PDB file of N, CA and C in Angstrom:
ATOM      1  N   MET A   1     -42.765 -58.923 125.676  1.00  0.00           N
ATOM      2  CA  MET A   1     -41.948 -59.283 124.532  1.00  0.00           C
ATOM      3  C   MET A   1     -42.027 -60.795 124.354  1.00  0.00           C
ATOM      4  N   VAL A   2     -42.134 -61.226 123.117  1.00  0.00           N
ATOM      5  CA  VAL A   2     -42.143 -62.651 122.808  1.00  0.00           C
ATOM      6  C   VAL A   2     -41.007 -62.947 121.837  1.00  0.00           C
ATOM      7  N   GLU A   3     -40.602 -64.188 121.809  1.00  0.00           N
ATOM      8  CA  GLU A   3     -39.511 -64.633 120.936  1.00  0.00           C
ATOM      9  C   GLU A   3     -40.092 -65.478 119.809  1.00  0.00           C
ATOM     10  N   VAL A   4     -39.523 -65.338 118.615  1.00  0.00           N
ATOM     11  CA  VAL A   4     -39.924 -66.171 117.487  1.00  0.00           C
ATOM     12  C   VAL A   4     -38.984 -67.374 117.463  1.00  0.00           C
ATOM     13  N   TYR A   5     -39.557 -68.588 117.466  1.00  0.00           N
ATOM     14  CA  TYR A   5     -38.774 -69.810 117.479  1.00  0.00           C
ATOM     15  C   TYR A   5     -38.505 -70.298 116.064  1.00  0.00           C
ATOM     16  N   ASP A   6     -37.728 -71.379 115.938  1.00  0.00           N
ATOM     17  CA  ASP A   6     -37.269 -71.895 114.647  1.00  0.00           C
ATOM     18  C   ASP A   6     -38.369 -72.030 113.602  1.00  0.00           C
ATOM     19  N   LYS A   7     -39.509 -72.559 113.974  1.00  0.00           N
ATOM     20  CA  LYS A   7     -40.592 -72.791 113.020  1.00  0.00           C
ATOM     21  C   LYS A   7     -41.523 -71.592 112.895  1.00  0.00           C
ATOM     22  N   GLY A   8     -41.112 -70.429 113.382  1.00  0.00           N
ATOM     23  CA  GLY A   8     -41.943 -69.234 113.314  1.00  0.00           C
ATOM     24  C   GLY A   8     -42.975 -69.171 114.420  1.00  0.00           C
ATOM     25  N   GLN A   9     -42.871 -70.059 115.403  1.00  0.00           N
ATOM     26  CA  GLN A   9     -43.841 -70.093 116.489  1.00  0.00           C
ATOM     27  C   GLN A   9     -43.515 -69.046 117.550  1.00  0.00           C
ATOM     28  N   ILE A  10     -44.582 -68.539 118.188  1.00  0.00           N
ATOM     29  CA  ILE A  10     -44.442 -67.631 119.320  1.00  0.00           C
ATOM     30  C   ILE A  10     -45.340 -68.142 120.444  1.00  0.00           C
ATOM     31  N   VAL A  11     -45.088 -67.677 121.641  1.00  0.00           N
ATOM     32  CA  VAL A  11     -45.948 -68.001 122.777  1.00  0.00           C
ATOM     33  C   VAL A  11     -46.682 -66.726 123.171  1.00  0.00           C
ATOM     34  N   ILE A  12     -48.006 -66.801 123.176  1.00  0.00           N
ATOM     35  CA  ILE A  12     -48.812 -65.664 123.621  1.00  0.00           C
ATOM     36  C   ILE A  12     -48.785 -65.688 125.146  1.00  0.00           C
ATOM     37  N   PRO A  13     -48.389 -64.595 125.786  1.00  0.00           N
ATOM     38  CA  PRO A  13     -48.297 -64.579 127.256  1.00  0.00           C
ATOM     39  C   PRO A  13     -49.612 -65.008 127.918  1.00  0.00           C
ATOM     40  N   LYS A  14     -49.489 -65.711 129.031  1.00  0.00           N
ATOM     41  CA  LYS A  14     -50.639 -66.273 129.727  1.00  0.00           C
ATOM     42  C   LYS A  14     -51.674 -65.211 130.089  1.00  0.00           C
ATOM     43  N   TYR A  15     -51.235 -64.054 130.554  1.00  0.00           N
ATOM     44  CA  TYR A  15     -52.216 -63.036 130.950  1.00  0.00           C
ATOM     45  C   TYR A  15     -53.071 -62.606 129.765  1.00  0.00           C
ATOM     46  N   ILE A  16     -52.510 -62.604 128.557  1.00  0.00           N
ATOM     47  CA  ILE A  16     -53.283 -62.253 127.362  1.00  0.00           C
ATOM     48  C   ILE A  16     -54.227 -63.393 127.015  1.00  0.00           C
ATOM     49  N   ARG A  17     -53.725 -64.645 127.070  1.00  0.00           N
ATOM     50  CA  ARG A  17     -54.599 -65.796 126.804  1.00  0.00           C
ATOM     51  C   ARG A  17     -55.768 -65.811 127.773  1.00  0.00           C
ATOM     52  N   ASP A  18     -55.503 -65.505 129.033  1.00  0.00           N
ATOM     53  CA  ASP A  18     -56.568 -65.480 130.041  1.00  0.00           C
ATOM     54  C   ASP A  18     -57.571 -64.360 129.770  1.00  0.00           C
ATOM     55  N   MET A  19     -57.078 -63.168 129.425  1.00  0.00           N
ATOM     56  CA  MET A  19     -57.967 -62.038 129.158  1.00  0.00           C
ATOM     57  C   MET A  19     -58.913 -62.324 128.003  1.00  0.00           C
ATOM     58  N   LEU A  20     -58.402 -63.026 126.972  1.00  0.00           N
ATOM     59  CA  LEU A  20     -59.198 -63.290 125.774  1.00  0.00           C
ATOM     60  C   LEU A  20     -59.823 -64.677 125.780  1.00  0.00           C
ATOM     61  N   HIS A  21     -59.636 -65.401 126.879  1.00  0.00           N
ATOM     62  CA  HIS A  21     -60.186 -66.761 127.013  1.00  0.00           C
ATOM     63  C   HIS A  21     -59.732 -67.657 125.860  1.00  0.00           C
ATOM     64  N   LEU A  22     -58.449 -67.562 125.520  1.00  0.00           N
ATOM     65  CA  LEU A  22     -57.888 -68.405 124.468  1.00  0.00           C
ATOM     66  C   LEU A  22     -57.500 -69.748 125.069  1.00  0.00           C
ATOM     67  N   VAL A  23     -57.911 -70.813 124.425  1.00  0.00           N
ATOM     68  CA  VAL A  23     -57.609 -72.169 124.883  1.00  0.00           C
ATOM     69  C   VAL A  23     -56.908 -72.904 123.741  1.00  0.00           C
ATOM     70  N   PRO A  24     -56.229 -74.020 124.041  1.00  0.00           N
ATOM     71  CA  PRO A  24     -55.608 -74.786 122.955  1.00  0.00           C
ATOM     72  C   PRO A  24     -56.648 -75.124 121.891  1.00  0.00           C
ATOM     73  N   GLY A  25     -56.294 -74.880 120.656  1.00  0.00           N
ATOM     74  CA  GLY A  25     -57.217 -75.135 119.552  1.00  0.00           C
ATOM     75  C   GLY A  25     -57.944 -73.901 119.063  1.00  0.00           C
ATOM     76  N   THR A  26     -57.883 -72.798 119.820  1.00  0.00           N
ATOM     77  CA  THR A  26     -58.522 -71.560 119.373  1.00  0.00           C
ATOM     78  C   THR A  26     -57.877 -71.126 118.066  1.00  0.00           C
ATOM     79  N   GLN A  27     -58.692 -70.818 117.079  1.00  0.00           N
ATOM     80  CA  GLN A  27     -58.171 -70.363 115.799  1.00  0.00           C
ATOM     81  C   GLN A  27     -58.080 -68.845 115.799  1.00  0.00           C
ATOM     82  N   LEU A  28     -56.958 -68.350 115.272  1.00  0.00           N
ATOM     83  CA  LEU A  28     -56.720 -66.912 115.197  1.00  0.00           C
ATOM     84  C   LEU A  28     -56.572 -66.505 113.741  1.00  0.00           C
ATOM     85  N   ASN A  29     -57.110 -65.350 113.406  1.00  0.00           N
ATOM     86  CA  ASN A  29     -56.855 -64.750 112.104  1.00  0.00           C
ATOM     87  C   ASN A  29     -55.595 -63.905 112.253  1.00  0.00           C
ATOM     88  N   ALA A  30     -54.693 -63.974 111.255  1.00  0.00           N
ATOM     89  CA  ALA A  30     -53.445 -63.216 111.301  1.00  0.00           C
ATOM     90  C   ALA A  30     -53.358 -62.304 110.078  1.00  0.00           C
ATOM     91  N   ARG A  31     -52.884 -61.085 110.315  1.00  0.00           N
ATOM     92  CA  ARG A  31     -52.679 -60.155 109.208  1.00  0.00           C
ATOM     93  C   ARG A  31     -51.585 -59.164 109.587  1.00  0.00           C
ATOM     94  N   VAL A  32     -51.103 -58.440 108.611  1.00  0.00           N
ATOM     95  CA  VAL A  32     -50.076 -57.427 108.828  1.00  0.00           C
ATOM     96  C   VAL A  32     -50.689 -56.064 108.558  1.00  0.00           C
ATOM     97  N   GLU A  33     -50.434 -55.120 109.470  1.00  0.00           N
ATOM     98  CA  GLU A  33     -50.863 -53.726 109.307  1.00  0.00           C
ATOM     99  C   GLU A  33     -49.700 -52.835 109.707  1.00  0.00           C
ATOM    100  N   ALA A  34     -49.215 -52.076 108.758  1.00  0.00           N
ATOM    101  CA  ALA A  34     -48.155 -51.107 109.027  1.00  0.00           C
ATOM    102  C   ALA A  34     -47.032 -51.689 109.886  1.00  0.00           C
ATOM    103  N   ARG A  35     -46.460 -52.781 109.430  1.00  0.00           N
ATOM    104  CA  ARG A  35     -45.342 -53.454 110.101  1.00  0.00           C
ATOM    105  C   ARG A  35     -45.716 -54.050 111.450  1.00  0.00           C
ATOM    106  N   LYS A  36     -47.002 -54.267 111.700  1.00  0.00           N
ATOM    107  CA  LYS A  36     -47.462 -54.910 112.929  1.00  0.00           C
ATOM    108  C   LYS A  36     -48.165 -56.204 112.562  1.00  0.00           C
ATOM    109  N   ILE A  37     -47.969 -57.222 113.381  1.00  0.00           N
ATOM    110  CA  ILE A  37     -48.684 -58.476 113.203  1.00  0.00           C
ATOM    111  C   ILE A  37     -49.912 -58.411 114.096  1.00  0.00           C
ATOM    112  N   ILE A  38     -51.088 -58.574 113.511  1.00  0.00           N
ATOM    113  CA  ILE A  38     -52.346 -58.531 114.249  1.00  0.00           C
ATOM    114  C   ILE A  38     -52.912 -59.945 114.304  1.00  0.00           C
ATOM    115  N   LEU A  39     -53.139 -60.447 115.506  1.00  0.00           N
ATOM    116  CA  LEU A  39     -53.765 -61.751 115.710  1.00  0.00           C
ATOM    117  C   LEU A  39     -55.111 -61.521 116.369  1.00  0.00           C
ATOM    118  N   GLU A  40     -56.175 -62.071 115.771  1.00  0.00           N
ATOM    119  CA  GLU A  40     -57.516 -61.900 116.315  1.00  0.00           C
ATOM    120  C   GLU A  40     -58.211 -63.250 116.365  1.00  0.00           C
ATOM    121  N   PRO A  41     -58.888 -63.549 117.491  1.00  0.00           N
ATOM    122  CA  PRO A  41     -59.680 -64.779 117.518  1.00  0.00           C
ATOM    123  C   PRO A  41     -60.731 -64.736 116.416  1.00  0.00           C
ATOM    124  N   ALA A  42     -61.011 -65.895 115.831  1.00  0.00           N
ATOM    125  CA  ALA A  42     -62.037 -65.988 114.793  1.00  0.00           C
ATOM    126  C   ALA A  42     -63.362 -65.489 115.356  1.00  0.00           C
ATOM    127  N   ASP A  43     -64.178 -64.858 114.526  1.00  0.00           N
ATOM    128  CA  ASP A  43     -65.439 -64.255 114.960  1.00  0.00           C
ATOM    129  C   ASP A  43     -66.351 -65.227 115.692  1.00  0.00           C
ATOM    130  N   ASP A  44     -66.441 -66.472 115.210  1.00  0.00           N
ATOM    131  CA  ASP A  44     -67.376 -67.407 115.829  1.00  0.00           C
ATOM    132  C   ASP A  44     -67.002 -67.721 117.271  1.00  0.00           C
ATOM    133  N   TYR A  45     -65.730 -67.583 117.620  1.00  0.00           N
ATOM    134  CA  TYR A  45     -65.292 -67.805 118.994  1.00  0.00           C
ATOM    135  C   TYR A  45     -65.969 -66.794 119.922  1.00  0.00           C
ATOM    136  N   PHE A  46     -65.871 -65.516 119.590  1.00  0.00           N
ATOM    137  CA  PHE A  46     -66.453 -64.483 120.447  1.00  0.00           C
ATOM    138  C   PHE A  46     -67.973 -64.518 120.443  1.00  0.00           C
ATOM    139  N   GLU A  47     -68.558 -64.816 119.290  1.00  0.00           N
ATOM    140  CA  GLU A  47     -70.023 -64.886 119.224  1.00  0.00           C
ATOM    141  C   GLU A  47     -70.554 -65.957 120.172  1.00  0.00           C
ATOM    142  N   GLU A  48     -69.941 -67.130 120.161  1.00  0.00           N
ATOM    143  CA  GLU A  48     -70.390 -68.214 121.037  1.00  0.00           C
ATOM    144  C   GLU A  48     -70.138 -67.862 122.503  1.00  0.00           C
ATOM    145  N   PHE A  49     -68.978 -67.291 122.788  1.00  0.00           N
ATOM    146  CA  PHE A  49     -68.654 -66.912 124.171  1.00  0.00           C
ATOM    147  C   PHE A  49     -69.634 -65.858 124.673  1.00  0.00           C
ATOM    148  N   GLU A  50     -69.904 -64.840 123.867  1.00  0.00           N
ATOM    149  CA  GLU A  50     -70.825 -63.779 124.279  1.00  0.00           C
ATOM    150  C   GLU A  50     -72.248 -64.299 124.448  1.00  0.00           C
ATOM    151  N   ARG A  51     -72.661 -65.213 123.579  1.00  0.00           N
ATOM    152  CA  ARG A  51     -74.009 -65.774 123.687  1.00  0.00           C
ATOM    153  C   ARG A  51     -74.184 -66.507 125.009  1.00  0.00           C
ATOM    154  N   LEU A  52     -73.189 -67.300 125.391  1.00  0.00           N
ATOM    155  CA  LEU A  52     -73.306 -68.095 126.610  1.00  0.00           C
ATOM    156  C   LEU A  52     -73.098 -67.269 127.876  1.00  0.00           C
ATOM    157  N   THR A  53     -72.492 -66.105 127.751  1.00  0.00           N
ATOM    158  CA  THR A  53     -72.233 -65.295 128.945  1.00  0.00           C
ATOM    159  C   THR A  53     -73.067 -64.014 128.977  1.00  0.00           C
ATOM    160  N   SER A  54     -74.003 -63.855 128.036  1.00  0.00           N
ATOM    161  CA  SER A  54     -74.759 -62.605 127.957  1.00  0.00           C
ATOM    162  C   SER A  54     -75.792 -62.448 129.072  1.00  0.00           C
ATOM    163  N   HIS A  55     -76.276 -63.549 129.619  1.00  0.00           N
ATOM    164  CA  HIS A  55     -77.243 -63.477 130.719  1.00  0.00           C
ATOM    165  C   HIS A  55     -76.498 -63.675 132.032  1.00  0.00           C
ATOM    166  N   PRO A  56     -76.838 -62.905 133.052  1.00  0.00           N
ATOM    167  CA  PRO A  56     -76.129 -63.028 134.326  1.00  0.00           C
ATOM    168  C   PRO A  56     -76.207 -64.448 134.887  1.00  0.00           C
ATOM    169  N   ALA A  57     -75.082 -64.925 135.352  1.00  0.00           N
ATOM    170  CA  ALA A  57     -75.037 -66.234 135.999  1.00  0.00           C
ATOM    171  C   ALA A  57     -75.370 -66.046 137.472  1.00  0.00           C
ATOM    172  N   HIS A  58     -75.903 -67.087 138.080  1.00  0.00           N
ATOM    173  CA  HIS A  58     -76.266 -67.013 139.493  1.00  0.00           C
ATOM    174  C   HIS A  58     -75.086 -67.284 140.420  1.00  0.00           C
ATOM    175  N   SER A  59     -73.995 -67.808 139.845  1.00  0.00           N
ATOM    176  CA  SER A  59     -72.831 -68.114 140.679  1.00  0.00           C
ATOM    177  C   SER A  59     -71.581 -68.166 139.812  1.00  0.00           C
ATOM    178  N   ASP A  60     -70.423 -68.118 140.476  1.00  0.00           N
ATOM    179  CA  ASP A  60     -69.159 -68.261 139.758  1.00  0.00           C
ATOM    180  C   ASP A  60     -69.066 -69.630 139.093  1.00  0.00           C
ATOM    181  N   GLN A  61     -69.617 -70.647 139.762  1.00  0.00           N
ATOM    182  CA  GLN A  61     -69.589 -71.994 139.209  1.00  0.00           C
ATOM    183  C   GLN A  61     -70.396 -72.059 137.904  1.00  0.00           C
ATOM    184  N   GLU A  62     -71.535 -71.371 137.878  1.00  0.00           N
ATOM    185  CA  GLU A  62     -72.349 -71.353 136.664  1.00  0.00           C
ATOM    186  C   GLU A  62     -71.609 -70.635 135.538  1.00  0.00           C
ATOM    187  N   THR A  63     -70.943 -69.552 135.868  1.00  0.00           N
ATOM    188  CA  THR A  63     -70.167 -68.825 134.864  1.00  0.00           C
ATOM    189  C   THR A  63     -69.081 -69.730 134.296  1.00  0.00           C
ATOM    190  N   GLU A  64     -68.349 -70.408 135.158  1.00  0.00           N
ATOM    191  CA  GLU A  64     -67.281 -71.312 134.704  1.00  0.00           C
ATOM    192  C   GLU A  64     -67.850 -72.434 133.844  1.00  0.00           C
ATOM    193  N   LYS A  65     -68.997 -72.948 134.228  1.00  0.00           N
ATOM    194  CA  LYS A  65     -69.641 -74.011 133.455  1.00  0.00           C
ATOM    195  C   LYS A  65     -69.996 -73.515 132.055  1.00  0.00           C
ATOM    196  N   ARG A  66     -70.544 -72.303 131.972  1.00  0.00           N
ATOM    197  CA  ARG A  66     -70.896 -71.725 130.673  1.00  0.00           C
ATOM    198  C   ARG A  66     -69.653 -71.557 129.803  1.00  0.00           C
ATOM    199  N   ILE A  67     -68.558 -71.097 130.398  1.00  0.00           N
ATOM    200  CA  ILE A  67     -67.313 -70.914 129.641  1.00  0.00           C
ATOM    201  C   ILE A  67     -66.817 -72.254 129.120  1.00  0.00           C
ATOM    202  N   GLU A  68     -66.840 -73.283 129.950  1.00  0.00           N
ATOM    203  CA  GLU A  68     -66.394 -74.610 129.527  1.00  0.00           C
ATOM    204  C   GLU A  68     -67.267 -75.152 128.404  1.00  0.00           C
ATOM    205  N   ILE A  69     -68.565 -74.943 128.486  1.00  0.00           N
ATOM    206  CA  ILE A  69     -69.472 -75.383 127.419  1.00  0.00           C
ATOM    207  C   ILE A  69     -69.114 -74.670 126.115  1.00  0.00           C
ATOM    208  N   ALA A  70     -68.874 -73.359 126.192  1.00  0.00           N
ATOM    209  CA  ALA A  70     -68.519 -72.583 124.997  1.00  0.00           C
ATOM    210  C   ALA A  70     -67.229 -73.112 124.385  1.00  0.00           C
ATOM    211  N   LYS A  71     -66.228 -73.369 125.223  1.00  0.00           N
ATOM    212  CA  LYS A  71     -64.950 -73.887 124.723  1.00  0.00           C
ATOM    213  C   LYS A  71     -65.147 -75.215 124.013  1.00  0.00           C
ATOM    214  N   LYS A  72     -65.894 -76.130 124.630  1.00  0.00           N
ATOM    215  CA  LYS A  72     -66.102 -77.456 124.043  1.00  0.00           C
ATOM    216  C   LYS A  72     -66.856 -77.366 122.721  1.00  0.00           C
ATOM    217  N   LYS A  73     -67.881 -76.508 122.659  1.00  0.00           N
ATOM    218  CA  LYS A  73     -68.639 -76.354 121.418  1.00  0.00           C
ATOM    219  C   LYS A  73     -67.747 -75.816 120.305  1.00  0.00           C
ATOM    220  N   MET A  74     -66.939 -74.822 120.613  1.00  0.00           N
ATOM    221  CA  MET A  74     -66.082 -74.228 119.600  1.00  0.00           C
ATOM    222  C   MET A  74     -65.033 -75.216 119.131  1.00  0.00           C
ATOM    223  N   LEU A  75     -64.398 -75.913 120.067  1.00  0.00           N
ATOM    224  CA  LEU A  75     -63.364 -76.870 119.681  1.00  0.00           C
ATOM    225  C   LEU A  75     -63.969 -78.029 118.899  1.00  0.00           C
ATOM    226  N   ALA A  76     -65.146 -78.472 119.267  1.00  0.00           N
ATOM    227  CA  ALA A  76     -65.812 -79.550 118.530  1.00  0.00           C
ATOM    228  C   ALA A  76     -66.134 -79.100 117.113  1.00  0.00           C
ATOM    229  N   GLY A  77     -66.560 -77.852 116.984  1.00  0.00           N
ATOM    230  CA  GLY A  77     -66.872 -77.303 115.666  1.00  0.00           C
ATOM    231  C   GLY A  77     -65.660 -77.209 114.763  1.00  0.00           C
ATOM    232  N   TRP A  78     -64.484 -77.096 115.347  1.00  0.00           N
ATOM    233  CA  TRP A  78     -63.244 -77.000 114.577  1.00  0.00           C
ATOM    234  C   TRP A  78     -62.592 -78.364 114.386  1.00  0.00           C
ATOM    235  N   GLY A  79     -63.259 -79.430 114.826  1.00  0.00           N
ATOM    236  CA  GLY A  79     -62.716 -80.766 114.645  1.00  0.00           C
ATOM    237  C   GLY A  79     -61.595 -81.094 115.595  1.00  0.00           C
ATOM    238  N   ARG A  80     -61.511 -80.424 116.726  1.00  0.00           N
ATOM    239  CA  ARG A  80     -60.431 -80.662 117.680  1.00  0.00           C
ATOM    240  C   ARG A  80     -60.840 -81.607 118.800  1.00  0.00           C
ATOM    241  N   VAL A  81     -62.162 -81.764 119.010  1.00  0.00           N
ATOM    242  CA  VAL A  81     -62.645 -82.616 120.084  1.00  0.00           C
ATOM    243  C   VAL A  81     -63.557 -83.661 119.464  1.00  0.00           C
ATOM    244  N   PRO A  82     -63.335 -84.959 119.780  1.00  0.00           N
ATOM    245  CA  PRO A  82     -64.191 -85.996 119.183  1.00  0.00           C
ATOM    246  C   PRO A  82     -65.627 -85.865 119.624  1.00  0.00           C
TER     247      PRO A  82
END
């Protein structure tokens, strides 16, 4: 359960952010379906993440490095990182 704050803000629980690899600056598409609010990461987020993680990594460190590269590329593309 999440709470709606004064400005209409909510906090997405950490376990969900971790599952979807959501980081500060991630853009979400929002829509309403049958009295439900649906939040989905923008398509380009998943495309970039899947591209960088589609080939097996040789180590956990390599996997983490690929994820960090994907995050930086996406955030830079959205004008969030200089």
